[in-house]
Amino acid sequence: MKTFLFCAALLCSSAALADELADADALFAKKAYPEALQKYTKLANAGNVTAQQHLGEMYFYGEAGTVDMDKATEWFAKAASRGNAVAAASLELIKQRKARRADIDYWIAKYDGSDLRTGDYRCPAPRFPAMSKVNEEIDRYSARMKAWQDCHNRFVTYLNGELPLTKRIPDDIAKLLTKDEMDSATTHLKEVGERVSEDTQVSGKMVVADFTAWRTATEAYVAEHNEMVKNAPPPEAKN
C-alpha cells in the first residue's frame, strides 16, 4: 500500500511538472518572457532537463533580458550532461561562435562592400580632354564612354540584385548569429548598400557631366570648323 501511494505521489509530481512546463512554454509563445523566465528557472533548478535547455536558449538569444553566453553555456551544459541533444548542439554552436568571432564581427560592423566592385563590375571612369579636333580621337573617346556606360549599367543591375546585402552573409556564419547580432548586421549592411548605391550614382553623374562637357565643346568646334570650310573662298584655279 505504501509503495502504491509513493508511486502515485511521483506520478502526481510528474504531472504537475509537466503542467508547469506547458505553462512556461505557453508564456514563451506569447512572448511573455519575464514570466516564462521565472517558470523555466524554477523548473530548471528543480532538475527539469527541458526547462534547462529552454533557459539556456533564453540567455543565448537575449530573451532573458540580455544576451548572457556564460549563463547560456551553464544551462546547456547541465541539460547536455543528462542527454539533451538540443543542448549539446547548442554547446557546439557556442564553441563555433568563439572560433568564428572575427568572421561574425566582420559582417556586423566591418564589411564595406569593396568586393562588389571586382571583375566585370570594376568600371574605371574614363577621362576626357577639353575637346577633340580629329575624327579618330572623337571616335576613341566616344567608344570609351560607351564601354564605361555598359559596365556601369551592368553593375547597377548586379547591385540591385545583391540587395539587401544580408544575402552575402555565408550560411555557416548566419547560423551562428544571435538575433541581436543579425539585427546589427542588417542595419550595418543596409547602410553599406545605401552608401555604395549613392557613390555609384554620384560617380556616374560626374562621368556623364565630363563627357557632356567634352562632347559639347567638340561639337561646337566641329560646327565652327565646318562653317569655316564652307565659307572659305575657293582656291584659285590653276592655269
C-alpha atoms as a PDB file:
ATOM      1  CA  MET A   1       0.000   0.000   0.000  1.00  0.00           C
ATOM      2  CA  LYS A   2       2.795   2.374   0.926  1.00  0.00           C
ATOM      3  CA  THR A   3       4.593   1.556  -2.302  1.00  0.00           C
ATOM      4  CA  PHE A   4       1.453   2.290  -4.294  1.00  0.00           C
ATOM      5  CA  LEU A   5       0.933   5.621  -2.557  1.00  0.00           C
ATOM      6  CA  PHE A   6       4.577   6.553  -3.183  1.00  0.00           C
ATOM      7  CA  CYS A   7       4.249   5.768  -6.872  1.00  0.00           C
ATOM      8  CA  ALA A   8       1.024   7.741  -7.066  1.00  0.00           C
ATOM      9  CA  ALA A   9       2.763  10.712  -5.492  1.00  0.00           C
ATOM     10  CA  LEU A  10       5.539  10.523  -8.068  1.00  0.00           C
ATOM     11  CA  LEU A  11       3.001  10.427 -10.865  1.00  0.00           C
ATOM     12  CA  CYS A  12       1.237  13.456  -9.453  1.00  0.00           C
ATOM     13  CA  SER A  13       4.522  15.314  -9.109  1.00  0.00           C
ATOM     14  CA  SER A  14       5.494  14.439 -12.672  1.00  0.00           C
ATOM     15  CA  ALA A  15       2.121  15.600 -13.954  1.00  0.00           C
ATOM     16  CA  ALA A  16       2.457  18.865 -12.044  1.00  0.00           C
ATOM     17  CA  LEU A  17       5.898  19.499 -13.526  1.00  0.00           C
ATOM     18  CA  ALA A  18       4.560  18.759 -16.994  1.00  0.00           C
ATOM     19  CA  ASP A  19       1.758  21.269 -16.437  1.00  0.00           C
ATOM     20  CA  GLU A  20       4.234  23.912 -15.251  1.00  0.00           C
ATOM     21  CA  LEU A  21       6.434  23.301 -18.266  1.00  0.00           C
ATOM     22  CA  ALA A  22       3.413  23.627 -20.544  1.00  0.00           C
ATOM     23  CA  ASP A  23       2.523  26.901 -18.808  1.00  0.00           C
ATOM     24  CA  ALA A  24       6.077  28.177 -19.285  1.00  0.00           C
ATOM     25  CA  ASP A  25       6.001  27.191 -22.968  1.00  0.00           C
ATOM     26  CA  ALA A  26       2.681  28.988 -23.420  1.00  0.00           C
ATOM     27  CA  LEU A  27       4.050  32.144 -21.826  1.00  0.00           C
ATOM     28  CA  PHE A  28       7.119  31.975 -24.040  1.00  0.00           C
ATOM     29  CA  ALA A  29       4.947  31.536 -27.139  1.00  0.00           C
ATOM     30  CA  LYS A  30       3.056  34.697 -26.157  1.00  0.00           C
ATOM     31  CA  LYS A  31       6.426  36.468 -25.728  1.00  0.00           C
ATOM     32  CA  ALA A  32       5.730  36.975 -22.025  1.00  0.00           C
ATOM     33  CA  TYR A  33       9.435  36.463 -21.480  1.00  0.00           C
ATOM     34  CA  PRO A  34       9.826  37.625 -17.857  1.00  0.00           C
ATOM     35  CA  GLU A  35       7.056  35.265 -16.694  1.00  0.00           C
ATOM     36  CA  ALA A  36       8.375  32.408 -18.839  1.00  0.00           C
ATOM     37  CA  LEU A  37      11.889  33.005 -17.482  1.00  0.00           C
ATOM     38  CA  GLN A  38      10.623  32.762 -13.911  1.00  0.00           C
ATOM     39  CA  LYS A  39       8.878  29.432 -14.525  1.00  0.00           C
ATOM     40  CA  TYR A  40      11.725  27.948 -16.564  1.00  0.00           C
ATOM     41  CA  THR A  41      14.200  28.951 -13.844  1.00  0.00           C
ATOM     42  CA  LYS A  42      12.113  27.269 -11.149  1.00  0.00           C
ATOM     43  CA  LEU A  43      11.802  24.083 -13.186  1.00  0.00           C
ATOM     44  CA  ALA A  44      15.464  24.132 -14.247  1.00  0.00           C
ATOM     45  CA  ASN A  45      16.617  24.457 -10.658  1.00  0.00           C
ATOM     46  CA  ALA A  46      14.360  21.511  -9.818  1.00  0.00           C
ATOM     47  CA  GLY A  47      16.256  19.465 -12.413  1.00  0.00           C
ATOM     48  CA  ASN A  48      13.881  19.584 -15.389  1.00  0.00           C
ATOM     49  CA  VAL A  49      16.095  18.971 -18.418  1.00  0.00           C
ATOM     50  CA  THR A  50      13.782  20.569 -20.973  1.00  0.00           C
ATOM     51  CA  ALA A  51      13.473  23.697 -18.844  1.00  0.00           C
ATOM     52  CA  GLN A  52      17.272  23.836 -18.581  1.00  0.00           C
ATOM     53  CA  GLN A  53      17.510  23.691 -22.355  1.00  0.00           C
ATOM     54  CA  HIS A  54      14.911  26.443 -22.825  1.00  0.00           C
ATOM     55  CA  LEU A  55      16.546  28.574 -20.161  1.00  0.00           C
ATOM     56  CA  GLY A  56      19.873  28.277 -21.967  1.00  0.00           C
ATOM     57  CA  GLU A  57      18.149  29.361 -25.177  1.00  0.00           C
ATOM     58  CA  MET A  58      16.604  32.395 -23.499  1.00  0.00           C
ATOM     59  CA  TYR A  59      20.011  33.555 -22.285  1.00  0.00           C
ATOM     60  CA  PHE A  60      21.580  32.758 -25.671  1.00  0.00           C
ATOM     61  CA  TYR A  61      19.072  34.782 -27.695  1.00  0.00           C
ATOM     62  CA  GLY A  62      18.614  37.588 -25.172  1.00  0.00           C
ATOM     63  CA  GLU A  63      15.021  36.748 -24.322  1.00  0.00           C
ATOM     64  CA  ALA A  64      16.039  36.638 -20.650  1.00  0.00           C
ATOM     65  CA  GLY A  65      16.511  40.405 -20.834  1.00  0.00           C
ATOM     66  CA  THR A  66      20.047  40.391 -22.204  1.00  0.00           C
ATOM     67  CA  VAL A  67      22.398  38.041 -24.021  1.00  0.00           C
ATOM     68  CA  ASP A  68      24.444  36.132 -21.436  1.00  0.00           C
ATOM     69  CA  MET A  69      26.632  33.470 -23.026  1.00  0.00           C
ATOM     70  CA  ASP A  70      28.048  32.334 -19.685  1.00  0.00           C
ATOM     71  CA  LYS A  71      24.603  31.531 -18.277  1.00  0.00           C
ATOM     72  CA  ALA A  72      23.525  30.018 -21.584  1.00  0.00           C
ATOM     73  CA  THR A  73      26.567  27.744 -21.524  1.00  0.00           C
ATOM     74  CA  GLU A  74      25.910  26.809 -17.894  1.00  0.00           C
ATOM     75  CA  TRP A  75      22.336  25.695 -18.540  1.00  0.00           C
ATOM     76  CA  PHE A  76      23.109  23.989 -21.832  1.00  0.00           C
ATOM     77  CA  ALA A  77      25.889  22.043 -20.096  1.00  0.00           C
ATOM     78  CA  LYS A  78      23.524  20.865 -17.367  1.00  0.00           C
ATOM     79  CA  ALA A  79      20.929  19.723 -19.899  1.00  0.00           C
ATOM     80  CA  ALA A  80      23.529  18.139 -22.190  1.00  0.00           C
ATOM     81  CA  SER A  81      25.033  16.177 -19.297  1.00  0.00           C
ATOM     82  CA  ARG A  82      21.675  14.465 -18.949  1.00  0.00           C
ATOM     83  CA  GLY A  83      21.380  13.575 -22.619  1.00  0.00           C
ATOM     84  CA  ASN A  84      19.572  16.587 -24.104  1.00  0.00           C
ATOM     85  CA  ALA A  85      20.648  16.592 -27.763  1.00  0.00           C
ATOM     86  CA  VAL A  86      19.480  20.155 -28.449  1.00  0.00           C
ATOM     87  CA  ALA A  87      21.550  21.468 -25.548  1.00  0.00           C
ATOM     88  CA  ALA A  88      24.582  19.510 -26.749  1.00  0.00           C
ATOM     89  CA  ALA A  89      24.207  21.010 -30.240  1.00  0.00           C
ATOM     90  CA  SER A  90      23.863  24.458 -28.684  1.00  0.00           C
ATOM     91  CA  LEU A  91      27.137  23.997 -26.804  1.00  0.00           C
ATOM     92  CA  GLU A  92      28.804  23.111 -30.101  1.00  0.00           C
ATOM     93  CA  LEU A  93      27.276  26.248 -31.629  1.00  0.00           C
ATOM     94  CA  ILE A  94      28.741  28.394 -28.849  1.00  0.00           C
ATOM     95  CA  LYS A  95      32.125  26.744 -29.443  1.00  0.00           C
ATOM     96  CA  GLN A  96      31.914  27.582 -33.149  1.00  0.00           C
ATOM     97  CA  ARG A  97      30.951  31.173 -32.333  1.00  0.00           C
ATOM     98  CA  LYS A  98      34.149  31.600 -30.347  1.00  0.00           C
ATOM     99  CA  ALA A  99      36.198  30.153 -33.182  1.00  0.00           C
ATOM    100  CA  ARG A 100      34.495  32.352 -35.821  1.00  0.00           C
ATOM    101  CA  ARG A 101      34.282  35.554 -33.761  1.00  0.00           C
ATOM    102  CA  ALA A 102      36.297  37.583 -36.280  1.00  0.00           C
ATOM    103  CA  ASP A 103      34.019  36.474 -39.142  1.00  0.00           C
ATOM    104  CA  ILE A 104      30.916  37.367 -37.126  1.00  0.00           C
ATOM    105  CA  ASP A 105      32.289  40.824 -36.287  1.00  0.00           C
ATOM    106  CA  TYR A 106      33.183  41.370 -39.954  1.00  0.00           C
ATOM    107  CA  TRP A 107      29.554  41.131 -41.062  1.00  0.00           C
ATOM    108  CA  ILE A 108      28.240  43.045 -38.056  1.00  0.00           C
ATOM    109  CA  ALA A 109      30.469  46.110 -38.444  1.00  0.00           C
ATOM    110  CA  LYS A 110      33.444  45.795 -40.813  1.00  0.00           C
ATOM    111  CA  TYR A 111      32.129  44.738 -44.227  1.00  0.00           C
ATOM    112  CA  ASP A 112      32.491  47.717 -46.613  1.00  0.00           C
ATOM    113  CA  GLY A 113      31.148  46.440 -49.931  1.00  0.00           C
ATOM    114  CA  SER A 114      34.512  46.688 -51.717  1.00  0.00           C
ATOM    115  CA  ASP A 115      34.131  43.137 -53.043  1.00  0.00           C
ATOM    116  CA  LEU A 116      31.164  44.278 -55.130  1.00  0.00           C
ATOM    117  CA  ARG A 117      33.427  46.284 -57.450  1.00  0.00           C
ATOM    118  CA  THR A 118      35.554  43.453 -58.811  1.00  0.00           C
ATOM    119  CA  GLY A 119      35.990  41.661 -62.118  1.00  0.00           C
ATOM    120  CA  ASP A 120      33.357  42.576 -64.689  1.00  0.00           C
ATOM    121  CA  TYR A 121      31.899  45.151 -62.294  1.00  0.00           C
ATOM    122  CA  ARG A 122      35.032  47.256 -61.925  1.00  0.00           C
ATOM    123  CA  CYS A 123      34.307  50.249 -64.138  1.00  0.00           C
ATOM    124  CA  PRO A 124      37.189  52.786 -64.192  1.00  0.00           C
ATOM    125  CA  ALA A 125      35.884  56.238 -65.086  1.00  0.00           C
ATOM    126  CA  PRO A 126      37.158  57.449 -68.497  1.00  0.00           C
ATOM    127  CA  ARG A 127      38.940  60.796 -68.666  1.00  0.00           C
ATOM    128  CA  PHE A 128      38.125  63.308 -71.396  1.00  0.00           C
ATOM    129  CA  PRO A 129      40.144  66.227 -72.806  1.00  0.00           C
ATOM    130  CA  ALA A 130      38.628  69.694 -73.054  1.00  0.00           C
ATOM    131  CA  MET A 131      37.726  68.931 -76.679  1.00  0.00           C
ATOM    132  CA  SER A 132      38.768  66.769 -79.615  1.00  0.00           C
ATOM    133  CA  LYS A 133      39.526  68.069 -83.104  1.00  0.00           C
ATOM    134  CA  VAL A 134      40.095  64.972 -85.215  1.00  0.00           C
ATOM    135  CA  ASN A 135      37.676  62.185 -86.030  1.00  0.00           C
ATOM    136  CA  GLU A 136      39.976  59.427 -84.793  1.00  0.00           C
ATOM    137  CA  GLU A 137      40.150  60.977 -81.337  1.00  0.00           C
ATOM    138  CA  ILE A 138      36.411  61.691 -81.293  1.00  0.00           C
ATOM    139  CA  ASP A 139      35.655  58.052 -82.126  1.00  0.00           C
ATOM    140  CA  ARG A 140      38.110  56.821 -79.476  1.00  0.00           C
ATOM    141  CA  TYR A 141      36.581  58.836 -76.639  1.00  0.00           C
ATOM    142  CA  SER A 142      33.048  58.044 -77.746  1.00  0.00           C
ATOM    143  CA  ALA A 143      33.911  54.331 -77.622  1.00  0.00           C
ATOM    144  CA  ARG A 144      35.391  54.711 -74.137  1.00  0.00           C
ATOM    145  CA  MET A 145      32.192  56.350 -72.935  1.00  0.00           C
ATOM    146  CA  LYS A 146      30.088  53.569 -74.459  1.00  0.00           C
ATOM    147  CA  ALA A 147      32.233  50.885 -72.783  1.00  0.00           C
ATOM    148  CA  TRP A 148      32.001  52.636 -69.404  1.00  0.00           C
ATOM    149  CA  GLN A 149      28.246  53.099 -69.748  1.00  0.00           C
ATOM    150  CA  ASP A 150      27.728  49.407 -70.498  1.00  0.00           C
ATOM    151  CA  CYS A 151      29.872  48.435 -67.477  1.00  0.00           C
ATOM    152  CA  HIS A 152      28.089  50.950 -65.236  1.00  0.00           C
ATOM    153  CA  ASN A 153      24.662  49.619 -66.225  1.00  0.00           C
ATOM    154  CA  ARG A 154      25.784  46.036 -65.614  1.00  0.00           C
ATOM    155  CA  PHE A 155      26.977  46.990 -62.157  1.00  0.00           C
ATOM    156  CA  VAL A 156      23.735  48.794 -61.277  1.00  0.00           C
ATOM    157  CA  THR A 157      21.736  45.730 -62.303  1.00  0.00           C
ATOM    158  CA  TYR A 158      24.086  43.473 -60.333  1.00  0.00           C
ATOM    159  CA  LEU A 159      23.988  45.687 -57.246  1.00  0.00           C
ATOM    160  CA  ASN A 160      20.192  45.791 -57.227  1.00  0.00           C
ATOM    161  CA  GLY A 161      20.184  42.004 -57.393  1.00  0.00           C
ATOM    162  CA  GLU A 162      22.558  41.754 -54.423  1.00  0.00           C
ATOM    163  CA  LEU A 163      20.412  43.933 -52.154  1.00  0.00           C
ATOM    164  CA  PRO A 164      19.774  43.513 -49.308  1.00  0.00           C
ATOM    165  CA  LEU A 165      23.418  42.725 -48.616  1.00  0.00           C
ATOM    166  CA  THR A 166      22.474  40.348 -45.802  1.00  0.00           C
ATOM    167  CA  LYS A 167      22.210  37.777 -48.607  1.00  0.00           C
ATOM    168  CA  ARG A 168      26.005  37.883 -48.818  1.00  0.00           C
ATOM    169  CA  ILE A 169      26.480  36.598 -45.263  1.00  0.00           C
ATOM    170  CA  PRO A 170      27.693  32.985 -45.667  1.00  0.00           C
ATOM    171  CA  ASP A 171      25.233  30.401 -44.356  1.00  0.00           C
ATOM    172  CA  ASP A 172      27.776  28.958 -41.932  1.00  0.00           C
ATOM    173  CA  ILE A 173      28.167  32.412 -40.361  1.00  0.00           C
ATOM    174  CA  ALA A 174      24.490  33.389 -40.455  1.00  0.00           C
ATOM    175  CA  LYS A 175      23.536  30.349 -38.380  1.00  0.00           C
ATOM    176  CA  LEU A 176      25.958  31.453 -35.643  1.00  0.00           C
ATOM    177  CA  LEU A 177      24.449  34.927 -35.212  1.00  0.00           C
ATOM    178  CA  THR A 178      22.159  35.769 -32.328  1.00  0.00           C
ATOM    179  CA  LYS A 179      19.028  37.796 -33.061  1.00  0.00           C
ATOM    180  CA  ASP A 180      20.681  40.991 -31.806  1.00  0.00           C
ATOM    181  CA  GLU A 181      23.745  40.308 -33.924  1.00  0.00           C
ATOM    182  CA  MET A 182      21.630  39.705 -37.002  1.00  0.00           C
ATOM    183  CA  ASP A 183      19.765  42.954 -36.327  1.00  0.00           C
ATOM    184  CA  SER A 184      23.105  44.781 -36.057  1.00  0.00           C
ATOM    185  CA  ALA A 185      24.385  43.136 -39.245  1.00  0.00           C
ATOM    186  CA  THR A 186      21.164  44.044 -41.069  1.00  0.00           C
ATOM    187  CA  THR A 187      21.477  47.706 -40.035  1.00  0.00           C
ATOM    188  CA  HIS A 188      25.163  47.869 -40.960  1.00  0.00           C
ATOM    189  CA  LEU A 189      24.738  46.164 -44.329  1.00  0.00           C
ATOM    190  CA  LYS A 190      21.766  48.378 -45.177  1.00  0.00           C
ATOM    191  CA  GLU A 191      23.970  51.433 -44.605  1.00  0.00           C
ATOM    192  CA  VAL A 192      26.746  49.905 -46.739  1.00  0.00           C
ATOM    193  CA  GLY A 193      24.284  49.167 -49.545  1.00  0.00           C
ATOM    194  CA  GLU A 194      22.917  52.711 -49.455  1.00  0.00           C
ATOM    195  CA  ARG A 195      26.448  54.158 -49.475  1.00  0.00           C
ATOM    196  CA  VAL A 196      27.538  52.034 -52.445  1.00  0.00           C
ATOM    197  CA  SER A 197      24.353  52.969 -54.330  1.00  0.00           C
ATOM    198  CA  GLU A 198      24.870  56.670 -53.624  1.00  0.00           C
ATOM    199  CA  ASP A 199      28.557  56.555 -54.592  1.00  0.00           C
ATOM    200  CA  THR A 200      27.620  54.812 -57.827  1.00  0.00           C
ATOM    201  CA  GLN A 201      25.060  57.485 -58.673  1.00  0.00           C
ATOM    202  CA  VAL A 202      27.418  60.354 -57.832  1.00  0.00           C
ATOM    203  CA  SER A 203      30.378  58.917 -59.762  1.00  0.00           C
ATOM    204  CA  GLY A 204      28.090  58.134 -62.691  1.00  0.00           C
ATOM    205  CA  LYS A 205      26.803  61.714 -62.808  1.00  0.00           C
ATOM    206  CA  MET A 206      30.369  63.029 -62.741  1.00  0.00           C
ATOM    207  CA  VAL A 207      31.382  60.876 -65.722  1.00  0.00           C
ATOM    208  CA  VAL A 208      28.286  61.938 -67.655  1.00  0.00           C
ATOM    209  CA  ALA A 209      28.997  65.590 -66.841  1.00  0.00           C
ATOM    210  CA  ASP A 210      32.619  65.284 -68.036  1.00  0.00           C
ATOM    211  CA  PHE A 211      31.520  63.518 -71.216  1.00  0.00           C
ATOM    212  CA  THR A 212      28.801  66.095 -71.879  1.00  0.00           C
ATOM    213  CA  ALA A 213      31.259  68.977 -71.477  1.00  0.00           C
ATOM    214  CA  TRP A 214      33.706  67.257 -73.863  1.00  0.00           C
ATOM    215  CA  ARG A 215      31.004  66.471 -76.410  1.00  0.00           C
ATOM    216  CA  THR A 216      29.541  69.996 -76.279  1.00  0.00           C
ATOM    217  CA  ALA A 217      32.946  71.598 -76.786  1.00  0.00           C
ATOM    218  CA  THR A 218      33.851  69.121 -79.519  1.00  0.00           C
ATOM    219  CA  GLU A 219      30.568  69.581 -81.384  1.00  0.00           C
ATOM    220  CA  ALA A 220      30.960  73.357 -81.168  1.00  0.00           C
ATOM    221  CA  TYR A 221      34.467  73.116 -82.589  1.00  0.00           C
ATOM    222  CA  VAL A 222      33.342  70.764 -85.380  1.00  0.00           C
ATOM    223  CA  ALA A 223      30.442  73.049 -86.267  1.00  0.00           C
ATOM    224  CA  GLU A 224      32.703  76.107 -86.311  1.00  0.00           C
ATOM    225  CA  HIS A 225      35.316  74.273 -88.346  1.00  0.00           C
ATOM    226  CA  ASN A 226      32.747  73.076 -90.887  1.00  0.00           C
ATOM    227  CA  GLU A 227      31.343  76.604 -91.183  1.00  0.00           C
ATOM    228  CA  MET A 228      34.815  77.971 -91.818  1.00  0.00           C
ATOM    229  CA  VAL A 229      35.407  75.361 -94.505  1.00  0.00           C
ATOM    230  CA  LYS A 230      32.020  76.086 -96.036  1.00  0.00           C
ATOM    231  CA  ASN A 231      32.643  79.847 -96.181  1.00  0.00           C
ATOM    232  CA  ALA A 232      36.250  79.662 -97.226  1.00  0.00           C
ATOM    233  CA  PRO A 233      36.953  81.237-100.636  1.00  0.00           C
ATOM    234  CA  PRO A 234      37.506  78.697-103.375  1.00  0.00           C
ATOM    235  CA  PRO A 235      41.124  78.000-104.232  1.00  0.00           C
ATOM    236  CA  GLU A 236      42.419  79.939-107.261  1.00  0.00           C
ATOM    237  CA  ALA A 237      42.122  77.992-110.463  1.00  0.00           C
ATOM    238  CA  LYS A 238      45.402  76.755-111.842  1.00  0.00           C
ATOM    239  CA  ASN A 239      46.395  77.913-115.304  1.00  0.00           C
END
